[in-house]
Amino acid sequence: MLAKRCLLAIFVSVACSANTYAQYTLGEALDKGAVKITQAEWVAMLPQHDWGSARIRDSDTAVTYYPDGKLAGTTNHNARGPLSMTLSGTWKMDETGQLCVDQVIKLTGVIHGAYSGCVFMFKAGENIFQVDAQSDLGRSAKVEKRTIKK
């Protein structure tokens, strides 16, 4: 039961983080000088390590995007004892800057969930923001600030 609750929390935080846990709007990010990251800029940033992108209920998710189109990571949930899951999958970014991922979530080697979705990434200085590709991309669109390390 704990594994199912943890999986649900992780899935929701990874899949819906741009909408559910947004701290900013796209307008605020643009006012900070944010511009959409292009495909060439994204590839030049790789590999990149995305830390803290899915903080929910004492969970930490860290995902690394690799130049070959693969991604891998871990989710650690500590609310009721240590529980670690692995993430693996693929990413691609098209010429419009839309970044799409397909990933599976495993616990002890068994697939417990999957996610496919797309976002646009914006950069302002060292700050990275993501917005769900299905949003209207207007100034009121919710974005999530990302913590990325190279």
N, C-alpha and C. Protein backbone atom coordinates (compact mmCIF):
# COMPACT_ATOMS: atom_id res chain seq x y z
N MET A 1 0.82 -1.19 0.00
CA MET A 1 0.00 0.00 0.00
C MET A 1 0.87 1.26 0.00
N LEU A 2 1.93 1.26 0.82
CA LEU A 2 2.83 2.40 0.86
C LEU A 2 3.44 2.64 -0.51
N ALA A 3 3.84 1.55 -1.16
CA ALA A 3 4.45 1.69 -2.49
C ALA A 3 3.47 2.32 -3.47
N LYS A 4 2.19 1.94 -3.40
CA LYS A 4 1.19 2.51 -4.31
C LYS A 4 0.98 3.99 -4.02
N ARG A 5 0.93 4.36 -2.74
CA ARG A 5 0.77 5.78 -2.40
C ARG A 5 1.98 6.59 -2.82
N CYS A 6 3.17 6.02 -2.62
CA CYS A 6 4.39 6.70 -3.03
C CYS A 6 4.43 6.86 -4.53
N LEU A 7 4.06 5.79 -5.24
CA LEU A 7 4.04 5.84 -6.70
C LEU A 7 3.07 6.91 -7.17
N LEU A 8 1.90 6.97 -6.58
CA LEU A 8 0.93 7.99 -6.98
C LEU A 8 1.48 9.38 -6.73
N ALA A 9 2.08 9.61 -5.57
CA ALA A 9 2.66 10.92 -5.28
C ALA A 9 3.76 11.27 -6.27
N ILE A 10 4.61 10.30 -6.58
CA ILE A 10 5.71 10.54 -7.52
C ILE A 10 5.16 10.81 -8.91
N PHE A 11 4.20 9.98 -9.35
CA PHE A 11 3.64 10.15 -10.69
C PHE A 11 3.00 11.52 -10.83
N VAL A 12 2.20 11.89 -9.84
CA VAL A 12 1.54 13.19 -9.89
C VAL A 12 2.57 14.31 -9.90
N SER A 13 3.60 14.19 -9.07
CA SER A 13 4.58 15.27 -9.00
C SER A 13 5.39 15.39 -10.27
N VAL A 14 5.72 14.26 -10.91
CA VAL A 14 6.50 14.31 -12.14
C VAL A 14 5.61 14.69 -13.31
N ALA A 15 4.45 14.07 -13.40
CA ALA A 15 3.58 14.27 -14.56
C ALA A 15 2.87 15.62 -14.55
N CYS A 16 2.53 16.09 -13.38
CA CYS A 16 1.70 17.29 -13.32
C CYS A 16 2.37 18.46 -12.64
N SER A 17 3.63 18.36 -12.39
CA SER A 17 4.29 19.38 -11.58
C SER A 17 4.18 20.76 -12.18
N ALA A 18 4.16 20.90 -13.49
CA ALA A 18 4.08 22.22 -14.09
C ALA A 18 2.76 22.90 -13.78
N ASN A 19 1.70 22.12 -13.62
CA ASN A 19 0.40 22.71 -13.35
C ASN A 19 0.05 22.71 -11.86
N THR A 20 0.35 21.63 -11.17
CA THR A 20 -0.10 21.48 -9.80
C THR A 20 0.77 22.20 -8.79
N TYR A 21 2.08 22.18 -8.97
CA TYR A 21 2.98 22.72 -7.97
C TYR A 21 3.72 23.95 -8.46
N ALA A 22 3.10 24.67 -9.39
CA ALA A 22 3.74 25.84 -9.96
C ALA A 22 3.94 26.92 -8.91
N GLN A 23 5.06 27.61 -9.02
CA GLN A 23 5.35 28.70 -8.11
C GLN A 23 5.31 30.04 -8.84
N TYR A 24 5.31 30.01 -10.15
CA TYR A 24 5.39 31.22 -10.96
C TYR A 24 4.41 31.12 -12.12
N THR A 25 4.22 32.26 -12.77
CA THR A 25 3.50 32.26 -14.04
C THR A 25 4.51 32.50 -15.15
N LEU A 26 4.11 32.18 -16.36
CA LEU A 26 5.00 32.42 -17.49
C LEU A 26 5.29 33.92 -17.62
N GLY A 27 4.30 34.74 -17.34
CA GLY A 27 4.52 36.19 -17.39
C GLY A 27 5.61 36.64 -16.44
N GLU A 28 5.62 36.09 -15.21
CA GLU A 28 6.66 36.43 -14.25
C GLU A 28 8.03 35.97 -14.75
N ALA A 29 8.08 34.78 -15.34
CA ALA A 29 9.35 34.29 -15.88
C ALA A 29 9.82 35.17 -17.04
N LEU A 30 8.90 35.55 -17.91
CA LEU A 30 9.27 36.42 -19.03
C LEU A 30 9.74 37.78 -18.54
N ASP A 31 9.10 38.28 -17.48
CA ASP A 31 9.52 39.55 -16.91
C ASP A 31 10.93 39.47 -16.32
N LYS A 32 11.36 38.29 -15.94
CA LYS A 32 12.72 38.07 -15.45
C LYS A 32 13.71 37.89 -16.60
N GLY A 33 13.20 38.00 -17.84
CA GLY A 33 14.06 37.87 -19.01
C GLY A 33 14.09 36.48 -19.62
N ALA A 34 13.18 35.60 -19.21
CA ALA A 34 13.18 34.23 -19.72
C ALA A 34 12.87 34.19 -21.22
N VAL A 35 13.59 33.31 -21.90
CA VAL A 35 13.35 33.04 -23.32
C VAL A 35 13.27 31.53 -23.49
N LYS A 36 12.50 31.09 -24.49
CA LYS A 36 12.34 29.66 -24.72
C LYS A 36 13.67 29.05 -25.14
N ILE A 37 13.99 27.90 -24.56
CA ILE A 37 15.22 27.19 -24.90
C ILE A 37 15.01 26.48 -26.23
N THR A 38 15.95 26.69 -27.15
CA THR A 38 15.87 26.05 -28.45
C THR A 38 16.44 24.63 -28.38
N GLN A 39 16.18 23.88 -29.43
CA GLN A 39 16.72 22.52 -29.51
C GLN A 39 18.25 22.53 -29.43
N ALA A 40 18.89 23.45 -30.13
CA ALA A 40 20.36 23.53 -30.11
C ALA A 40 20.87 23.90 -28.72
N GLU A 41 20.19 24.83 -28.04
CA GLU A 41 20.60 25.22 -26.68
C GLU A 41 20.44 24.04 -25.71
N TRP A 42 19.34 23.32 -25.86
CA TRP A 42 19.09 22.17 -24.98
C TRP A 42 20.20 21.14 -25.12
N VAL A 43 20.50 20.77 -26.36
CA VAL A 43 21.53 19.75 -26.60
C VAL A 43 22.88 20.22 -26.06
N ALA A 44 23.18 21.51 -26.20
CA ALA A 44 24.45 22.05 -25.69
C ALA A 44 24.53 21.99 -24.17
N MET A 45 23.39 21.96 -23.49
CA MET A 45 23.35 21.91 -22.03
C MET A 45 23.57 20.50 -21.48
N LEU A 46 23.50 19.49 -22.32
CA LEU A 46 23.54 18.10 -21.87
C LEU A 46 24.96 17.61 -21.64
N PRO A 47 25.19 16.59 -20.79
CA PRO A 47 24.13 16.04 -19.93
C PRO A 47 23.80 17.02 -18.82
N GLN A 48 22.57 16.97 -18.39
CA GLN A 48 22.18 17.83 -17.28
C GLN A 48 21.46 17.01 -16.24
N HIS A 49 21.65 17.42 -15.02
CA HIS A 49 21.09 16.73 -13.88
C HIS A 49 20.02 17.63 -13.28
N ASP A 50 18.81 17.15 -13.25
CA ASP A 50 17.67 17.91 -12.79
C ASP A 50 17.34 17.45 -11.37
N TRP A 51 17.59 18.29 -10.39
CA TRP A 51 17.39 17.92 -9.00
C TRP A 51 16.19 18.64 -8.42
N GLY A 52 15.45 17.96 -7.60
CA GLY A 52 14.36 18.60 -6.87
C GLY A 52 13.18 18.96 -7.72
N SER A 53 13.03 18.34 -8.87
CA SER A 53 11.93 18.71 -9.75
C SER A 53 10.60 18.18 -9.27
N ALA A 54 10.61 17.25 -8.37
CA ALA A 54 9.35 16.67 -7.92
C ALA A 54 9.33 16.53 -6.41
N ARG A 55 9.41 17.65 -5.71
CA ARG A 55 9.41 17.62 -4.25
C ARG A 55 7.97 17.59 -3.77
N ILE A 56 7.61 16.49 -3.17
CA ILE A 56 6.27 16.38 -2.61
C ILE A 56 6.33 15.40 -1.45
N ARG A 57 5.78 15.78 -0.33
CA ARG A 57 5.68 14.90 0.83
C ARG A 57 6.97 14.15 1.11
N ASP A 58 8.03 14.88 1.25
CA ASP A 58 9.31 14.28 1.63
C ASP A 58 9.90 13.39 0.54
N SER A 59 9.59 13.69 -0.72
CA SER A 59 10.16 12.95 -1.84
C SER A 59 11.13 13.84 -2.60
N ASP A 60 12.17 13.25 -3.12
CA ASP A 60 13.12 13.96 -3.97
C ASP A 60 13.29 13.15 -5.24
N THR A 61 13.17 13.82 -6.37
CA THR A 61 13.38 13.16 -7.66
C THR A 61 14.55 13.83 -8.36
N ALA A 62 15.45 13.03 -8.86
CA ALA A 62 16.60 13.53 -9.61
C ALA A 62 16.65 12.79 -10.94
N VAL A 63 16.65 13.53 -12.04
CA VAL A 63 16.67 12.92 -13.37
C VAL A 63 17.83 13.51 -14.16
N THR A 64 18.56 12.66 -14.86
CA THR A 64 19.64 13.11 -15.73
C THR A 64 19.21 12.87 -17.18
N TYR A 65 19.32 13.92 -18.00
CA TYR A 65 19.04 13.83 -19.43
C TYR A 65 20.37 13.69 -20.15
N TYR A 66 20.48 12.69 -21.02
CA TYR A 66 21.72 12.41 -21.74
C TYR A 66 21.61 12.81 -23.21
N PRO A 67 22.74 13.14 -23.85
CA PRO A 67 22.72 13.58 -25.26
C PRO A 67 22.15 12.55 -26.23
N ASP A 68 22.18 11.26 -25.87
CA ASP A 68 21.69 10.23 -26.79
C ASP A 68 20.17 10.06 -26.75
N GLY A 69 19.46 10.94 -26.02
CA GLY A 69 18.01 10.88 -25.96
C GLY A 69 17.47 10.01 -24.84
N LYS A 70 18.33 9.56 -23.95
CA LYS A 70 17.88 8.76 -22.81
C LYS A 70 17.84 9.60 -21.55
N LEU A 71 17.06 9.14 -20.59
CA LEU A 71 17.03 9.78 -19.27
C LEU A 71 17.00 8.68 -18.23
N ALA A 72 17.52 9.01 -17.07
CA ALA A 72 17.53 8.06 -15.96
C ALA A 72 17.52 8.84 -14.66
N GLY A 73 16.93 8.25 -13.63
CA GLY A 73 16.91 8.95 -12.36
C GLY A 73 16.40 8.10 -11.23
N THR A 74 16.23 8.75 -10.10
CA THR A 74 15.73 8.09 -8.91
C THR A 74 14.73 8.99 -8.20
N THR A 75 13.86 8.35 -7.47
CA THR A 75 12.94 9.05 -6.58
C THR A 75 13.08 8.41 -5.22
N ASN A 76 13.33 9.23 -4.23
CA ASN A 76 13.46 8.74 -2.86
C ASN A 76 12.33 9.33 -2.03
N HIS A 77 11.58 8.46 -1.42
CA HIS A 77 10.45 8.87 -0.59
C HIS A 77 10.78 8.48 0.85
N ASN A 78 10.78 9.44 1.75
CA ASN A 78 11.22 9.19 3.12
C ASN A 78 10.15 9.42 4.17
N ALA A 79 8.91 9.64 3.79
CA ALA A 79 7.88 9.99 4.77
C ALA A 79 7.64 8.88 5.78
N ARG A 80 7.62 7.63 5.33
CA ARG A 80 7.35 6.51 6.25
C ARG A 80 8.44 5.45 6.14
N GLY A 81 9.63 5.89 6.04
CA GLY A 81 10.74 4.96 5.87
C GLY A 81 11.28 5.09 4.46
N PRO A 82 12.53 4.74 4.27
CA PRO A 82 13.14 4.92 2.96
C PRO A 82 12.50 4.03 1.89
N LEU A 83 12.22 4.61 0.76
CA LEU A 83 11.68 3.90 -0.38
C LEU A 83 12.26 4.55 -1.62
N SER A 84 12.95 3.78 -2.42
CA SER A 84 13.61 4.34 -3.59
C SER A 84 13.09 3.67 -4.86
N MET A 85 12.78 4.48 -5.85
CA MET A 85 12.32 3.98 -7.14
C MET A 85 13.25 4.52 -8.22
N THR A 86 13.33 3.81 -9.33
CA THR A 86 14.15 4.27 -10.44
C THR A 86 13.26 4.72 -11.58
N LEU A 87 13.77 5.69 -12.33
CA LEU A 87 13.09 6.20 -13.52
C LEU A 87 13.99 5.94 -14.71
N SER A 88 13.42 5.56 -15.83
CA SER A 88 14.21 5.43 -17.05
C SER A 88 13.30 5.73 -18.23
N GLY A 89 13.91 6.16 -19.32
CA GLY A 89 13.11 6.45 -20.49
C GLY A 89 13.87 7.22 -21.54
N THR A 90 13.11 7.92 -22.36
CA THR A 90 13.69 8.69 -23.47
C THR A 90 13.13 10.10 -23.47
N TRP A 91 13.87 10.99 -24.12
CA TRP A 91 13.41 12.36 -24.32
C TRP A 91 13.69 12.74 -25.77
N LYS A 92 12.93 13.72 -26.26
CA LYS A 92 13.22 14.32 -27.57
C LYS A 92 12.69 15.75 -27.54
N MET A 93 13.38 16.61 -28.27
CA MET A 93 12.94 17.99 -28.39
C MET A 93 12.83 18.31 -29.86
N ASP A 94 11.70 18.87 -30.26
CA ASP A 94 11.52 19.19 -31.67
C ASP A 94 12.00 20.61 -31.96
N GLU A 95 11.87 21.02 -33.21
CA GLU A 95 12.39 22.32 -33.65
C GLU A 95 11.64 23.50 -33.02
N THR A 96 10.45 23.25 -32.45
CA THR A 96 9.72 24.34 -31.78
C THR A 96 10.17 24.51 -30.33
N GLY A 97 11.02 23.60 -29.85
CA GLY A 97 11.46 23.65 -28.46
C GLY A 97 10.60 22.83 -27.52
N GLN A 98 9.69 22.05 -28.06
CA GLN A 98 8.84 21.20 -27.22
C GLN A 98 9.63 19.96 -26.80
N LEU A 99 9.81 19.80 -25.50
CA LEU A 99 10.55 18.67 -24.93
C LEU A 99 9.54 17.63 -24.48
N CYS A 100 9.66 16.41 -25.01
CA CYS A 100 8.74 15.33 -24.66
C CYS A 100 9.52 14.19 -24.03
N VAL A 101 8.91 13.57 -23.01
CA VAL A 101 9.54 12.44 -22.35
C VAL A 101 8.57 11.26 -22.30
N ASP A 102 9.15 10.09 -22.37
CA ASP A 102 8.45 8.83 -22.12
C ASP A 102 9.29 8.12 -21.08
N GLN A 103 8.68 7.78 -19.94
CA GLN A 103 9.46 7.15 -18.89
C GLN A 103 8.65 6.12 -18.13
N VAL A 104 9.36 5.20 -17.50
CA VAL A 104 8.74 4.21 -16.63
C VAL A 104 9.34 4.36 -15.24
N ILE A 105 8.55 3.99 -14.26
CA ILE A 105 8.96 4.07 -12.86
C ILE A 105 8.98 2.66 -12.32
N LYS A 106 10.10 2.27 -11.74
CA LYS A 106 10.26 0.90 -11.23
C LYS A 106 10.58 0.91 -9.74
N LEU A 107 10.04 -0.08 -9.05
CA LEU A 107 10.38 -0.34 -7.66
C LEU A 107 10.86 -1.78 -7.60
N THR A 108 12.04 -1.99 -7.11
CA THR A 108 12.69 -3.32 -7.07
C THR A 108 12.60 -4.03 -8.41
N GLY A 109 12.84 -3.27 -9.49
CA GLY A 109 12.89 -3.85 -10.82
C GLY A 109 11.55 -4.09 -11.49
N VAL A 110 10.45 -3.85 -10.81
CA VAL A 110 9.12 -4.07 -11.35
C VAL A 110 8.51 -2.73 -11.76
N ILE A 111 7.98 -2.65 -12.97
CA ILE A 111 7.36 -1.40 -13.44
C ILE A 111 6.10 -1.12 -12.63
N HIS A 112 6.06 0.07 -12.03
CA HIS A 112 4.92 0.49 -11.23
C HIS A 112 4.17 1.67 -11.84
N GLY A 113 4.66 2.21 -12.93
CA GLY A 113 3.98 3.32 -13.55
C GLY A 113 4.73 3.79 -14.77
N ALA A 114 4.05 4.60 -15.56
CA ALA A 114 4.65 5.16 -16.77
C ALA A 114 4.10 6.57 -16.96
N TYR A 115 4.85 7.38 -17.67
CA TYR A 115 4.44 8.75 -17.94
C TYR A 115 4.96 9.17 -19.30
N SER A 116 4.11 9.85 -20.05
CA SER A 116 4.51 10.51 -21.30
C SER A 116 3.93 11.90 -21.25
N GLY A 117 4.74 12.89 -21.61
CA GLY A 117 4.25 14.25 -21.62
C GLY A 117 5.27 15.20 -22.22
N CYS A 118 4.81 16.43 -22.47
CA CYS A 118 5.66 17.42 -23.12
C CYS A 118 5.60 18.75 -22.39
N VAL A 119 6.72 19.46 -22.42
CA VAL A 119 6.83 20.78 -21.81
C VAL A 119 7.66 21.68 -22.73
N PHE A 120 7.60 22.96 -22.46
CA PHE A 120 8.54 23.92 -23.05
C PHE A 120 9.41 24.41 -21.91
N MET A 121 10.69 24.60 -22.18
CA MET A 121 11.63 25.06 -21.18
C MET A 121 12.02 26.50 -21.51
N PHE A 122 12.12 27.33 -20.49
CA PHE A 122 12.53 28.72 -20.62
C PHE A 122 13.73 28.96 -19.71
N LYS A 123 14.59 29.88 -20.11
CA LYS A 123 15.78 30.17 -19.31
C LYS A 123 15.91 31.67 -19.10
N ALA A 124 16.21 32.05 -17.86
CA ALA A 124 16.50 33.44 -17.50
C ALA A 124 17.74 33.39 -16.62
N GLY A 125 18.88 33.74 -17.20
CA GLY A 125 20.14 33.61 -16.46
C GLY A 125 20.39 32.15 -16.16
N GLU A 126 20.56 31.83 -14.87
CA GLU A 126 20.76 30.44 -14.46
C GLU A 126 19.44 29.76 -14.09
N ASN A 127 18.34 30.49 -14.16
CA ASN A 127 17.05 29.93 -13.79
C ASN A 127 16.40 29.25 -14.99
N ILE A 128 15.87 28.05 -14.76
CA ILE A 128 15.16 27.30 -15.79
C ILE A 128 13.71 27.16 -15.32
N PHE A 129 12.79 27.39 -16.23
CA PHE A 129 11.37 27.26 -15.95
C PHE A 129 10.76 26.31 -16.97
N GLN A 130 9.79 25.50 -16.54
CA GLN A 130 9.10 24.64 -17.50
C GLN A 130 7.62 24.95 -17.46
N VAL A 131 6.99 24.85 -18.61
CA VAL A 131 5.54 25.06 -18.72
C VAL A 131 4.97 23.90 -19.53
N ASP A 132 3.85 23.39 -19.10
CA ASP A 132 3.20 22.28 -19.78
C ASP A 132 2.89 22.68 -21.22
N ALA A 133 3.24 21.81 -22.16
CA ALA A 133 3.04 22.12 -23.58
C ALA A 133 1.57 22.23 -23.95
N GLN A 134 0.68 21.68 -23.13
CA GLN A 134 -0.75 21.76 -23.42
C GLN A 134 -1.39 23.02 -22.85
N SER A 135 -0.63 23.84 -22.14
CA SER A 135 -1.19 25.09 -21.63
C SER A 135 -1.30 26.08 -22.79
N ASP A 136 -1.93 27.18 -22.55
CA ASP A 136 -2.12 28.17 -23.62
C ASP A 136 -0.87 29.00 -23.88
N LEU A 137 0.17 28.84 -23.06
CA LEU A 137 1.43 29.59 -23.15
C LEU A 137 1.22 31.10 -23.05
N GLY A 138 0.11 31.49 -22.46
CA GLY A 138 -0.12 32.90 -22.18
C GLY A 138 0.60 33.31 -20.91
N ARG A 139 0.59 34.58 -20.59
CA ARG A 139 1.32 35.09 -19.43
C ARG A 139 0.85 34.47 -18.11
N SER A 140 -0.40 34.00 -18.05
CA SER A 140 -0.91 33.41 -16.81
C SER A 140 -0.63 31.91 -16.71
N ALA A 141 -0.02 31.32 -17.72
CA ALA A 141 0.29 29.88 -17.67
C ALA A 141 1.21 29.60 -16.48
N LYS A 142 0.93 28.53 -15.76
CA LYS A 142 1.72 28.16 -14.59
C LYS A 142 3.02 27.50 -15.04
N VAL A 143 4.11 27.88 -14.39
CA VAL A 143 5.42 27.30 -14.68
C VAL A 143 6.03 26.78 -13.38
N GLU A 144 6.96 25.87 -13.54
CA GLU A 144 7.71 25.36 -12.39
C GLU A 144 9.17 25.75 -12.58
N LYS A 145 9.74 26.31 -11.53
CA LYS A 145 11.17 26.64 -11.56
C LYS A 145 11.94 25.36 -11.30
N ARG A 146 12.94 25.10 -12.12
CA ARG A 146 13.73 23.88 -12.01
C ARG A 146 15.09 24.19 -11.43
N THR A 147 15.67 23.22 -10.76
CA THR A 147 17.03 23.32 -10.26
C THR A 147 17.86 22.36 -11.09
N ILE A 148 18.72 22.87 -11.94
CA ILE A 148 19.47 22.03 -12.87
C ILE A 148 20.96 22.21 -12.63
N LYS A 149 21.67 21.11 -12.60
CA LYS A 149 23.12 21.11 -12.45
C LYS A 149 23.73 20.38 -13.63
N LYS A 150 24.88 20.85 -14.07
CA LYS A 150 25.55 20.18 -15.19
C LYS A 150 26.65 19.30 -14.66
